[in-house]
C-alpha atoms as a PDB file:
ATOM      1  CA  MET A   1     -44.088 -56.670 -96.121  1.00  0.00           C
ATOM      2  CA  MET A   2     -41.699 -58.925 -98.027  1.00  0.00           C
ATOM      3  CA  SER A   3     -39.911 -58.098-101.261  1.00  0.00           C
ATOM      4  CA  PRO A   4     -40.066 -60.461-104.255  1.00  0.00           C
ATOM      5  CA  ASP A   5     -36.325 -61.110-103.956  1.00  0.00           C
ATOM      6  CA  GLY A   6     -36.719 -61.879-100.252  1.00  0.00           C
ATOM      7  CA  LEU A   7     -39.446 -64.441-100.945  1.00  0.00           C
ATOM      8  CA  ALA A   8     -37.458 -65.973-103.800  1.00  0.00           C
ATOM      9  CA  ALA A   9     -34.501 -66.466-101.449  1.00  0.00           C
ATOM     10  CA  LEU A  10     -36.689 -68.317 -98.941  1.00  0.00           C
ATOM     11  CA  LEU A  11     -38.183 -70.535-101.655  1.00  0.00           C
ATOM     12  CA  ALA A  12     -34.854 -71.401-103.294  1.00  0.00           C
ATOM     13  CA  PRO A  13     -33.537 -74.957-102.762  1.00  0.00           C
ATOM     14  CA  THR A  14     -30.416 -73.386-101.271  1.00  0.00           C
ATOM     15  CA  GLY A  15     -32.359 -70.966 -99.071  1.00  0.00           C
ATOM     16  CA  PRO A  16     -31.264 -70.246 -95.495  1.00  0.00           C
ATOM     17  CA  ALA A  17     -31.304 -73.426 -93.435  1.00  0.00           C
ATOM     18  CA  THR A  18     -32.341 -71.524 -90.323  1.00  0.00           C
ATOM     19  CA  VAL A  19     -35.651 -70.343 -91.871  1.00  0.00           C
ATOM     20  CA  ALA A  20     -38.494 -72.753 -92.646  1.00  0.00           C
ATOM     21  CA  ARG A  21     -39.834 -72.709 -96.194  1.00  0.00           C
ATOM     22  CA  PRO A  22     -42.867 -70.414 -96.162  1.00  0.00           C
ATOM     23  CA  VAL A  23     -46.444 -71.278 -97.042  1.00  0.00           C
ATOM     24  CA  VAL A  24     -47.383 -69.001 -99.950  1.00  0.00           C
ATOM     25  CA  LEU A  25     -51.035 -68.037-100.379  1.00  0.00           C
ATOM     26  CA  ASP A  26     -52.299 -66.819-103.758  1.00  0.00           C
ATOM     27  CA  VAL A  27     -55.407 -64.699-103.124  1.00  0.00           C
ATOM     28  CA  ARG A  28     -55.799 -62.958-106.493  1.00  0.00           C
ATOM     29  CA  TRP A  29     -59.318 -61.589-106.932  1.00  0.00           C
ATOM     30  CA  ARG A  30     -61.221 -59.004-108.982  1.00  0.00           C
ATOM     31  CA  LEU A  31     -64.444 -57.284-108.013  1.00  0.00           C
ATOM     32  CA  THR A  32     -66.054 -57.969-111.398  1.00  0.00           C
ATOM     33  CA  GLY A  33     -64.349 -61.340-112.028  1.00  0.00           C
ATOM     34  CA  PRO A  34     -63.339 -63.679-113.423  1.00  0.00           C
ATOM     35  CA  PRO A  35     -62.263 -65.764-110.402  1.00  0.00           C
ATOM     36  CA  GLY A  36     -58.555 -65.797-109.676  1.00  0.00           C
ATOM     37  CA  ARG A  37     -58.302 -69.583-109.662  1.00  0.00           C
ATOM     38  CA  ALA A  38     -57.797 -69.655-113.454  1.00  0.00           C
ATOM     39  CA  ASP A  39     -54.910 -67.172-113.131  1.00  0.00           C
ATOM     40  CA  HIS A  40     -53.397 -69.354-110.421  1.00  0.00           C
ATOM     41  CA  ARG A  41     -53.567 -72.439-112.588  1.00  0.00           C
ATOM     42  CA  ALA A  42     -51.914 -70.620-115.495  1.00  0.00           C
ATOM     43  CA  ARG A  43     -49.119 -68.756-113.708  1.00  0.00           C
ATOM     44  CA  ARG A  44     -48.232 -68.621-110.030  1.00  0.00           C
ATOM     45  CA  VAL A  45     -45.390 -68.346-107.562  1.00  0.00           C
ATOM     46  CA  PRO A  46     -43.935 -71.874-107.229  1.00  0.00           C
ATOM     47  CA  GLY A  47     -45.571 -73.795-104.409  1.00  0.00           C
ATOM     48  CA  ALA A  48     -48.346 -71.247-103.883  1.00  0.00           C
ATOM     49  CA  VAL A  49     -51.785 -72.415-102.729  1.00  0.00           C
ATOM     50  CA  PHE A  50     -54.882 -70.638-104.031  1.00  0.00           C
ATOM     51  CA  VAL A  51     -57.393 -69.307-101.503  1.00  0.00           C
ATOM     52  CA  ASP A  52     -60.593 -67.621-102.710  1.00  0.00           C
ATOM     53  CA  LEU A  53     -61.717 -64.349-101.146  1.00  0.00           C
ATOM     54  CA  ASP A  54     -65.435 -64.815-101.793  1.00  0.00           C
ATOM     55  CA  THR A  55     -65.823 -68.377-100.563  1.00  0.00           C
ATOM     56  CA  GLU A  56     -62.898 -68.968 -98.191  1.00  0.00           C
ATOM     57  CA  LEU A  57     -61.630 -65.656 -96.776  1.00  0.00           C
ATOM     58  CA  SER A  58     -65.163 -64.531 -96.003  1.00  0.00           C
ATOM     59  CA  ALA A  59     -68.375 -66.184 -94.900  1.00  0.00           C
ATOM     60  CA  GLY A  60     -69.449 -66.077 -98.555  1.00  0.00           C
ATOM     61  CA  PRO A  61     -70.414 -63.188-100.835  1.00  0.00           C
ATOM     62  CA  SER A  62     -73.632 -61.544 -99.743  1.00  0.00           C
ATOM     63  CA  ALA A  63     -75.822 -58.572-100.503  1.00  0.00           C
ATOM     64  CA  PRO A  64     -75.248 -55.402 -98.475  1.00  0.00           C
ATOM     65  CA  GLY A  65     -76.722 -55.761 -95.032  1.00  0.00           C
ATOM     66  CA  PRO A  66     -75.719 -57.212 -91.654  1.00  0.00           C
ATOM     67  CA  GLY A  67     -72.081 -58.264 -91.897  1.00  0.00           C
ATOM     68  CA  GLY A  68     -71.545 -56.480 -95.217  1.00  0.00           C
ATOM     69  CA  ARG A  69     -70.603 -57.927 -98.605  1.00  0.00           C
ATOM     70  CA  HIS A  70     -67.599 -59.895 -97.305  1.00  0.00           C
ATOM     71  CA  PRO A  71     -68.489 -60.896 -93.736  1.00  0.00           C
ATOM     72  CA  LEU A  72     -65.737 -62.498 -91.699  1.00  0.00           C
ATOM     73  CA  PRO A  73     -65.659 -66.295 -91.788  1.00  0.00           C
ATOM     74  CA  GLY A  74     -66.399 -68.098 -88.563  1.00  0.00           C
ATOM     75  CA  ALA A  75     -63.522 -69.679 -86.672  1.00  0.00           C
ATOM     76  CA  ALA A  76     -64.430 -73.254 -87.684  1.00  0.00           C
ATOM     77  CA  ARG A  77     -64.780 -72.331 -91.363  1.00  0.00           C
ATOM     78  CA  LEU A  78     -61.485 -70.414 -91.394  1.00  0.00           C
ATOM     79  CA  GLN A  79     -59.725 -73.281 -89.632  1.00  0.00           C
ATOM     80  CA  ARG A  80     -60.823 -75.725 -92.361  1.00  0.00           C
ATOM     81  CA  VAL A  81     -59.627 -73.352 -95.093  1.00  0.00           C
ATOM     82  CA  LEU A  82     -56.252 -72.681 -93.508  1.00  0.00           C
ATOM     83  CA  ARG A  83     -55.613 -76.321 -92.670  1.00  0.00           C
ATOM     84  CA  ALA A  84     -56.355 -77.251 -96.302  1.00  0.00           C
ATOM     85  CA  ALA A  85     -53.765 -74.637 -97.341  1.00  0.00           C
ATOM     86  CA  GLY A  86     -51.141 -76.307 -95.147  1.00  0.00           C
ATOM     87  CA  VAL A  87     -51.225 -73.865 -92.247  1.00  0.00           C
ATOM     88  CA  GLY A  88     -50.080 -75.586 -89.064  1.00  0.00           C
ATOM     89  CA  GLU A  89     -49.058 -75.020 -85.483  1.00  0.00           C
ATOM     90  CA  ASP A  90     -45.368 -75.086 -86.375  1.00  0.00           C
ATOM     91  CA  ASP A  91     -43.210 -71.996 -86.909  1.00  0.00           C
ATOM     92  CA  ARG A  92     -43.426 -71.804 -90.724  1.00  0.00           C
ATOM     93  CA  PRO A  93     -43.863 -68.267 -92.055  1.00  0.00           C
ATOM     94  CA  PHE A  94     -46.697 -67.248 -94.390  1.00  0.00           C
ATOM     95  CA  VAL A  95     -46.617 -64.901 -97.354  1.00  0.00           C
ATOM     96  CA  ALA A  96     -49.784 -63.813 -99.177  1.00  0.00           C
ATOM     97  CA  TYR A  97     -49.947 -62.142-102.576  1.00  0.00           C
ATOM     98  CA  ASP A  98     -52.613 -60.749-104.901  1.00  0.00           C
ATOM     99  CA  ASP A  99     -52.533 -59.019-108.272  1.00  0.00           C
ATOM    100  CA  GLY A 100     -50.441 -56.153-106.986  1.00  0.00           C
ATOM    101  CA  ASP A 101     -52.199 -53.602-104.760  1.00  0.00           C
ATOM    102  CA  CYS A 102     -51.897 -55.825-101.644  1.00  0.00           C
ATOM    103  CA  SER A 103     -55.482 -55.168-100.480  1.00  0.00           C
ATOM    104  CA  VAL A 104     -56.738 -58.763-100.809  1.00  0.00           C
ATOM    105  CA  ALA A 105     -53.408 -60.116 -99.566  1.00  0.00           C
ATOM    106  CA  ALA A 106     -53.819 -57.816 -96.566  1.00  0.00           C
ATOM    107  CA  ARG A 107     -57.185 -59.477 -95.866  1.00  0.00           C
ATOM    108  CA  ALA A 108     -55.385 -62.852 -95.720  1.00  0.00           C
ATOM    109  CA  TRP A 109     -52.690 -61.299 -93.500  1.00  0.00           C
ATOM    110  CA  TRP A 110     -55.351 -59.851 -91.206  1.00  0.00           C
ATOM    111  CA  LEU A 111     -57.260 -63.146 -90.923  1.00  0.00           C
ATOM    112  CA  LEU A 112     -54.105 -65.073 -90.084  1.00  0.00           C
ATOM    113  CA  ARG A 113     -53.305 -62.543 -87.373  1.00  0.00           C
ATOM    114  CA  TRP A 114     -56.930 -62.583 -86.132  1.00  0.00           C
ATOM    115  CA  ALA A 115     -56.670 -66.393 -85.996  1.00  0.00           C
ATOM    116  CA  GLY A 116     -53.831 -66.088 -83.505  1.00  0.00           C
ATOM    117  CA  LEU A 117     -50.624 -66.249 -85.571  1.00  0.00           C
ATOM    118  CA  ALA A 118     -47.755 -64.089 -84.343  1.00  0.00           C
ATOM    119  CA  ALA A 119     -46.885 -60.923 -86.227  1.00  0.00           C
ATOM    120  CA  ASP A 120     -43.445 -62.182 -87.256  1.00  0.00           C
ATOM    121  CA  ARG A 121     -44.943 -65.231 -89.047  1.00  0.00           C
ATOM    122  CA  VAL A 122     -47.169 -63.384 -91.532  1.00  0.00           C
ATOM    123  CA  ARG A 123     -46.096 -61.200 -94.460  1.00  0.00           C
ATOM    124  CA  VAL A 124     -47.554 -59.722 -97.645  1.00  0.00           C
ATOM    125  CA  LEU A 125     -45.628 -59.781-100.932  1.00  0.00           C
ATOM    126  CA  ASP A 126     -44.874 -56.156-101.798  1.00  0.00           C
ATOM    127  CA  GLY A 127     -46.185 -55.439-105.285  1.00  0.00           C
ATOM    128  CA  GLY A 128     -47.902 -58.823-105.482  1.00  0.00           C
ATOM    129  CA  PHE A 129     -47.736 -61.155-108.441  1.00  0.00           C
ATOM    130  CA  ALA A 130     -47.058 -58.247-110.800  1.00  0.00           C
ATOM    131  CA  ALA A 131     -43.815 -57.394-108.994  1.00  0.00           C
ATOM    132  CA  TRP A 132     -42.815 -61.071-108.853  1.00  0.00           C
ATOM    133  CA  SER A 133     -43.296 -61.617-112.579  1.00  0.00           C
ATOM    134  CA  GLN A 134     -41.746 -58.276-113.558  1.00  0.00           C
ATOM    135  CA  ALA A 135     -38.631 -59.256-111.618  1.00  0.00           C
ATOM    136  CA  GLY A 136     -38.254 -62.335-113.844  1.00  0.00           C
ATOM    137  CA  LEU A 137     -38.542 -64.720-110.893  1.00  0.00           C
ATOM    138  CA  PRO A 138     -39.532 -68.388-111.368  1.00  0.00           C
ATOM    139  CA  LEU A 139     -43.116 -69.243-112.289  1.00  0.00           C
ATOM    140  CA  ALA A 140     -45.170 -72.422-112.075  1.00  0.00           C
ATOM    141  CA  GLY A 141     -48.437 -73.249-113.787  1.00  0.00           C
ATOM    142  CA  VAL A 142     -49.751 -74.417-117.144  1.00  0.00           C
ATOM    143  CA  GLU A 143     -47.649 -71.829-118.927  1.00  0.00           C
ATOM    144  CA  GLY A 144     -44.589 -72.949-116.970  1.00  0.00           C
ATOM    145  CA  GLY A 145     -45.012 -76.672-117.577  1.00  0.00           C
ATOM    146  CA  ALA A 146     -46.776 -77.783-114.382  1.00  0.00           C
ATOM    147  CA  ALA A 147     -50.521 -78.003-114.982  1.00  0.00           C
ATOM    148  CA  GLU A 148     -51.673 -78.378-111.399  1.00  0.00           C
ATOM    149  CA  PRO A 149     -50.102 -77.477-108.055  1.00  0.00           C
ATOM    150  CA  GLU A 150     -48.963 -80.323-105.895  1.00  0.00           C
ATOM    151  CA  PRO A 151     -51.303 -80.891-102.924  1.00  0.00           C
ATOM    152  CA  LEU A 152     -49.888 -79.906 -99.565  1.00  0.00           C
ATOM    153  CA  PRO A 153     -50.208 -82.065 -96.482  1.00  0.00           C
ATOM    154  CA  PRO A 154     -53.008 -80.622 -94.357  1.00  0.00           C
ATOM    155  CA  GLY A 155     -52.026 -78.384 -91.486  1.00  0.00           C
ATOM    156  CA  ASP A 156     -53.093 -78.643 -87.883  1.00  0.00           C
ATOM    157  CA  LEU A 157     -53.685 -74.990 -87.057  1.00  0.00           C
ATOM    158  CA  VAL A 158     -56.123 -74.273 -84.242  1.00  0.00           C
ATOM    159  CA  VAL A 159     -57.815 -70.934 -84.941  1.00  0.00           C
ATOM    160  CA  ARG A 160     -57.927 -68.789 -81.827  1.00  0.00           C
ATOM    161  CA  PRO A 161     -60.040 -65.794 -82.872  1.00  0.00           C
ATOM    162  CA  GLY A 162     -59.436 -62.387 -81.386  1.00  0.00           C
ATOM    163  CA  GLY A 163     -55.812 -61.768 -82.315  1.00  0.00           C
ATOM    164  CA  MET A 164     -56.799 -58.505 -84.065  1.00  0.00           C
ATOM    165  CA  PRO A 165     -59.403 -55.991 -82.843  1.00  0.00           C
ATOM    166  CA  VAL A 166     -62.723 -55.468 -84.606  1.00  0.00           C
ATOM    167  CA  VAL A 167     -65.548 -52.976 -84.185  1.00  0.00           C
ATOM    168  CA  ASP A 168     -69.197 -53.153 -85.211  1.00  0.00           C
ATOM    169  CA  ALA A 169     -71.261 -50.283 -86.633  1.00  0.00           C
ATOM    170  CA  ASP A 170     -71.741 -48.706 -83.207  1.00  0.00           C
ATOM    171  CA  GLY A 171     -68.017 -48.954 -82.571  1.00  0.00           C
ATOM    172  CA  ALA A 172     -67.286 -47.325 -85.936  1.00  0.00           C
ATOM    173  CA  ALA A 173     -69.674 -44.492 -85.087  1.00  0.00           C
ATOM    174  CA  ALA A 174     -67.880 -43.990 -81.773  1.00  0.00           C
ATOM    175  CA  LEU A 175     -64.494 -43.842 -83.507  1.00  0.00           C
ATOM    176  CA  GLY A 176     -65.886 -41.235 -85.894  1.00  0.00           C
ATOM    177  CA  ARG A 177     -66.896 -39.109 -82.905  1.00  0.00           C
ATOM    178  CA  ASP A 178     -64.104 -39.698 -80.431  1.00  0.00           C
ATOM    179  CA  GLY A 179     -61.153 -41.270 -82.252  1.00  0.00           C
ATOM    180  CA  VAL A 180     -59.789 -41.702 -85.768  1.00  0.00           C
ATOM    181  CA  LEU A 181     -61.885 -43.649 -88.281  1.00  0.00           C
ATOM    182  CA  LEU A 182     -60.186 -44.068 -91.675  1.00  0.00           C
ATOM    183  CA  ASP A 183     -62.074 -44.675 -94.918  1.00  0.00           C
ATOM    184  CA  ALA A 184     -59.984 -46.669 -97.419  1.00  0.00           C
ATOM    185  CA  ARG A 185     -62.272 -46.163-100.433  1.00  0.00           C
ATOM    186  CA  ALA A 186     -61.587 -43.842-103.358  1.00  0.00           C
ATOM    187  CA  ALA A 187     -62.024 -40.166-102.466  1.00  0.00           C
ATOM    188  CA  ALA A 188     -64.993 -39.720-104.835  1.00  0.00           C
ATOM    189  CA  ARG A 189     -66.906 -42.434-102.988  1.00  0.00           C
ATOM    190  CA  PHE A 190     -65.994 -40.867 -99.647  1.00  0.00           C
ATOM    191  CA  ARG A 191     -67.306 -37.490-100.828  1.00  0.00           C
ATOM    192  CA  GLY A 192     -70.550 -39.082-101.990  1.00  0.00           C
ATOM    193  CA  GLU A 193     -70.034 -38.133-105.643  1.00  0.00           C
ATOM    194  CA  THR A 194     -70.462 -41.716-106.805  1.00  0.00           C
ATOM    195  CA  GLU A 195     -71.398 -45.087-105.372  1.00  0.00           C
ATOM    196  CA  PRO A 196     -71.075 -47.964-107.848  1.00  0.00           C
ATOM    197  CA  VAL A 197     -71.798 -50.837-105.454  1.00  0.00           C
ATOM    198  CA  ASP A 198     -73.591 -49.984-102.220  1.00  0.00           C
ATOM    199  CA  PRO A 199     -77.080 -48.595-101.438  1.00  0.00           C
ATOM    200  CA  ARG A 200     -76.137 -45.026-100.445  1.00  0.00           C
ATOM    201  CA  ALA A 201     -73.282 -42.645-101.243  1.00  0.00           C
ATOM    202  CA  GLY A 202     -71.159 -40.874 -98.649  1.00  0.00           C
ATOM    203  CA  HIS A 203     -69.253 -41.890 -95.544  1.00  0.00           C
ATOM    204  CA  VAL A 204     -69.561 -42.591 -91.845  1.00  0.00           C
ATOM    205  CA  PRO A 205     -69.858 -39.240 -90.029  1.00  0.00           C
ATOM    206  CA  GLY A 206     -66.498 -38.158 -88.660  1.00  0.00           C
ATOM    207  CA  ALA A 207     -64.489 -40.520 -90.873  1.00  0.00           C
ATOM    208  CA  ARG A 208     -61.290 -39.339 -92.529  1.00  0.00           C
ATOM    209  CA  SER A 209     -60.410 -40.222 -96.116  1.00  0.00           C
ATOM    210  CA  LEU A 210     -57.196 -42.128 -96.765  1.00  0.00           C
ATOM    211  CA  PRO A 211     -57.636 -44.259 -99.915  1.00  0.00           C
ATOM    212  CA  ALA A 212     -55.772 -47.569 -99.872  1.00  0.00           C
ATOM    213  CA  ALA A 213     -54.419 -46.611-103.305  1.00  0.00           C
ATOM    214  CA  ALA A 214     -52.280 -43.958-101.572  1.00  0.00           C
ATOM    215  CA  LEU A 215     -50.144 -46.672 -99.982  1.00  0.00           C
ATOM    216  CA  ALA A 216     -48.399 -47.621-103.221  1.00  0.00           C
ATOM    217  CA  GLY A 217     -45.933 -45.727-105.363  1.00  0.00           C
ATOM    218  CA  PRO A 218     -45.926 -45.468-109.183  1.00  0.00           C
ATOM    219  CA  GLY A 219     -44.471 -48.964-109.627  1.00  0.00           C
ATOM    220  CA  GLY A 220     -47.032 -50.682-107.439  1.00  0.00           C
ATOM    221  CA  ARG A 221     -44.655 -51.257-104.514  1.00  0.00           C
ATOM    222  CA  TRP A 222     -45.615 -49.663-101.211  1.00  0.00           C
ATOM    223  CA  VAL A 223     -43.993 -46.373-100.263  1.00  0.00           C
ATOM    224  CA  ALA A 224     -41.391 -46.307 -97.498  1.00  0.00           C
ATOM    225  CA  PRO A 225     -42.534 -46.705 -93.868  1.00  0.00           C
ATOM    226  CA  GLU A 226     -41.574 -43.129 -93.025  1.00  0.00           C
ATOM    227  CA  VAL A 227     -43.771 -41.853 -95.882  1.00  0.00           C
ATOM    228  CA  LEU A 228     -46.635 -44.011 -94.642  1.00  0.00           C
ATOM    229  CA  ALA A 229     -46.137 -42.591 -91.158  1.00  0.00           C
ATOM    230  CA  ASP A 230     -46.369 -39.027 -92.488  1.00  0.00           C
ATOM    231  CA  ARG A 231     -49.607 -39.836 -94.315  1.00  0.00           C
ATOM    232  CA  PHE A 232     -51.162 -41.357 -91.216  1.00  0.00           C
ATOM    233  CA  ARG A 233     -50.092 -38.468 -88.992  1.00  0.00           C
ATOM    234  CA  ALA A 234     -51.661 -36.052 -91.490  1.00  0.00           C
ATOM    235  CA  VAL A 235     -55.070 -37.603 -90.827  1.00  0.00           C
ATOM    236  CA  GLY A 236     -54.646 -37.667 -87.076  1.00  0.00           C
ATOM    237  CA  VAL A 237     -53.268 -41.138 -86.387  1.00  0.00           C
ATOM    238  CA  GLY A 238     -51.007 -41.045 -83.357  1.00  0.00           C
ATOM    239  CA  PRO A 239     -49.456 -43.480 -80.917  1.00  0.00           C
ATOM    240  CA  ASP A 240     -52.306 -43.301 -78.408  1.00  0.00           C
ATOM    241  CA  SER A 241     -55.512 -42.307 -80.204  1.00  0.00           C
ATOM    242  CA  PRO A 242     -58.167 -44.990 -80.849  1.00  0.00           C
ATOM    243  CA  VAL A 243     -57.954 -45.897 -84.547  1.00  0.00           C
ATOM    244  CA  GLY A 244     -60.124 -47.964 -86.858  1.00  0.00           C
ATOM    245  CA  ALA A 245     -60.531 -48.501 -90.586  1.00  0.00           C
ATOM    246  CA  TYR A 246     -63.305 -49.418 -93.005  1.00  0.00           C
ATOM    247  CA  CYS A 247     -63.835 -49.570 -96.759  1.00  0.00           C
ATOM    248  CA  GLY A 248     -66.580 -50.938 -98.997  1.00  0.00           C
ATOM    249  CA  SER A 249     -66.745 -54.523 -97.765  1.00  0.00           C
ATOM    250  CA  GLY A 250     -63.997 -54.923 -95.166  1.00  0.00           C
ATOM    251  CA  VAL A 251     -61.193 -55.943 -97.572  1.00  0.00           C
ATOM    252  CA  ASN A 252     -59.255 -52.804 -98.602  1.00  0.00           C
ATOM    253  CA  ALA A 253     -59.408 -51.534 -95.023  1.00  0.00           C
ATOM    254  CA  CYS A 254     -57.107 -54.416 -94.043  1.00  0.00           C
ATOM    255  CA  ALA A 255     -54.411 -52.716 -96.117  1.00  0.00           C
ATOM    256  CA  LEU A 256     -54.702 -49.617 -93.918  1.00  0.00           C
ATOM    257  CA  VAL A 257     -54.407 -51.766 -90.784  1.00  0.00           C
ATOM    258  CA  LEU A 258     -51.293 -53.409 -92.241  1.00  0.00           C
ATOM    259  CA  ALA A 259     -49.821 -50.088 -93.357  1.00  0.00           C
ATOM    260  CA  ILE A 260     -50.285 -48.567 -89.900  1.00  0.00           C
ATOM    261  CA  GLU A 261     -48.296 -51.477 -88.498  1.00  0.00           C
ATOM    262  CA  GLU A 262     -45.613 -51.137 -91.193  1.00  0.00           C
ATOM    263  CA  SER A 263     -45.310 -47.385 -90.608  1.00  0.00           C
ATOM    264  CA  GLY A 264     -44.447 -47.686 -86.926  1.00  0.00           C
ATOM    265  CA  VAL A 265     -46.713 -44.733 -86.139  1.00  0.00           C
ATOM    266  CA  ARG A 266     -48.297 -46.783 -83.364  1.00  0.00           C
ATOM    267  CA  ALA A 267     -46.600 -48.922 -80.765  1.00  0.00           C
ATOM    268  CA  PRO A 268     -46.177 -52.653 -81.473  1.00  0.00           C
ATOM    269  CA  GLY A 269     -49.137 -54.550 -80.115  1.00  0.00           C
ATOM    270  CA  ALA A 270     -51.556 -51.664 -80.680  1.00  0.00           C
ATOM    271  CA  PRO A 271     -53.066 -52.407 -84.107  1.00  0.00           C
ATOM    272  CA  ALA A 272     -55.886 -50.405 -85.617  1.00  0.00           C
ATOM    273  CA  ALA A 273     -59.339 -51.971 -85.375  1.00  0.00           C
ATOM    274  CA  LEU A 274     -61.175 -53.236 -88.450  1.00  0.00           C
ATOM    275  CA  TYR A 275     -64.852 -52.546 -89.115  1.00  0.00           C
ATOM    276  CA  PRO A 276     -65.593 -55.722 -91.124  1.00  0.00           C
ATOM    277  CA  GLY A 277     -69.102 -54.768 -92.237  1.00  0.00           C
ATOM    278  CA  SER A 278     -67.780 -51.467 -93.577  1.00  0.00           C
ATOM    279  CA  TRP A 279     -69.783 -49.219 -95.896  1.00  0.00           C
ATOM    280  CA  SER A 280     -71.757 -52.114 -97.392  1.00  0.00           C
ATOM    281  CA  GLU A 281     -73.278 -52.756 -93.954  1.00  0.00           C
ATOM    282  CA  TRP A 282     -73.533 -49.140 -92.808  1.00  0.00           C
ATOM    283  CA  SER A 283     -75.187 -47.807 -95.972  1.00  0.00           C
ATOM    284  CA  ALA A 284     -77.774 -50.599 -96.012  1.00  0.00           C
ATOM    285  CA  ASP A 285     -79.163 -49.498 -92.643  1.00  0.00           C
ATOM    286  CA  PRO A 286     -81.511 -46.513 -93.162  1.00  0.00           C
ATOM    287  CA  ALA A 287     -81.185 -45.626 -89.484  1.00  0.00           C
ATOM    288  CA  ARG A 288     -77.469 -44.861 -89.901  1.00  0.00           C
ATOM    289  CA  PRO A 289     -76.589 -41.236 -90.784  1.00  0.00           C
ATOM    290  CA  VAL A 290     -74.511 -40.507 -93.865  1.00  0.00           C
ATOM    291  CA  ALA A 291     -72.049 -37.652 -94.361  1.00  0.00           C
ATOM    292  CA  THR A 292     -71.034 -36.250 -97.752  1.00  0.00           C
ATOM    293  CA  ALA A 293     -68.579 -33.741 -99.225  1.00  0.00           C
ATOM    294  CA  ASP A 294     -64.887 -33.476 -98.441  1.00  0.00           C
ATOM    295  CA  ARG A 295     -65.069 -31.311 -95.327  1.00  0.00           C
ATOM    296  CA  PRO A 296     -62.616 -31.412 -92.442  1.00  0.00           C
ATOM    297  CA  TRP A 297     -63.819 -34.091 -90.070  1.00  0.00           C
ATOM    298  CA  ALA A 298     -64.108 -31.579 -87.228  1.00  0.00           C
ATOM    299  CA  GLN A 299     -66.944 -29.823 -89.112  1.00  0.00           C
ATOM    300  CA  GLU A 300     -69.036 -32.994 -89.149  1.00  0.00           C
ATOM    301  CA  GLN A 301     -69.363 -33.171 -85.383  1.00  0.00           C
END
């Protein structure tokens, strides 16, 4: 994670000469719209490039089914998107931000890591655009006097997929039985009390509820790493156990993967796996069992 003040220091004309100016990715998005591109045009972090979740950070929005509602983009598609955003083979760092909860920014972080970028090159802006603007930091956009962002020279990144682990539905089922499978959705959806989006209510048998909303404090900034570590240990995440995460469509779960890394509860180089299809894929398959209620995971075996 990177603080707003830390990003502002890197973007300042007098920023540290030993650190390359970062590429900033604006990935603001809302489930029910409108698209975040209009927000980007109006007000944005100076120099930020807009990248759309539905059409660029996934293979395209789809109905629940194989791959889920936000299936991962293919390597060639992602390479085109990232090159257009100025991502190259050099050592420039990358910082992604969204509206504030860091879940969509975490999807960008995860894809950059999956594409082969080193961990120390990719960050998420803590608190997102809300924290940046509340801190009174500089803004660009129509409201700031610059109608359109300046185009960046295209990057030359070569996407090398596989930098982060993934599991399919069978792998998620195995984690529910034999490891730790975390569900990042709201607790009511996990318990099966409501399901506003997907075909069936409930959760993957054996999964453990840890809503992504629990990562942030009252002000929208993430809680301290030691607090994150305590929350992960409470649901069984340890240094050696197999761990994976899912959510509704494979987006919010990326925040859990990022938070596990930030917490230090697992060794460096041992990230949690992502189930990209998530509940939107699982619940659309009538052959897949569904668990409900908020019982201890051991009772679901």
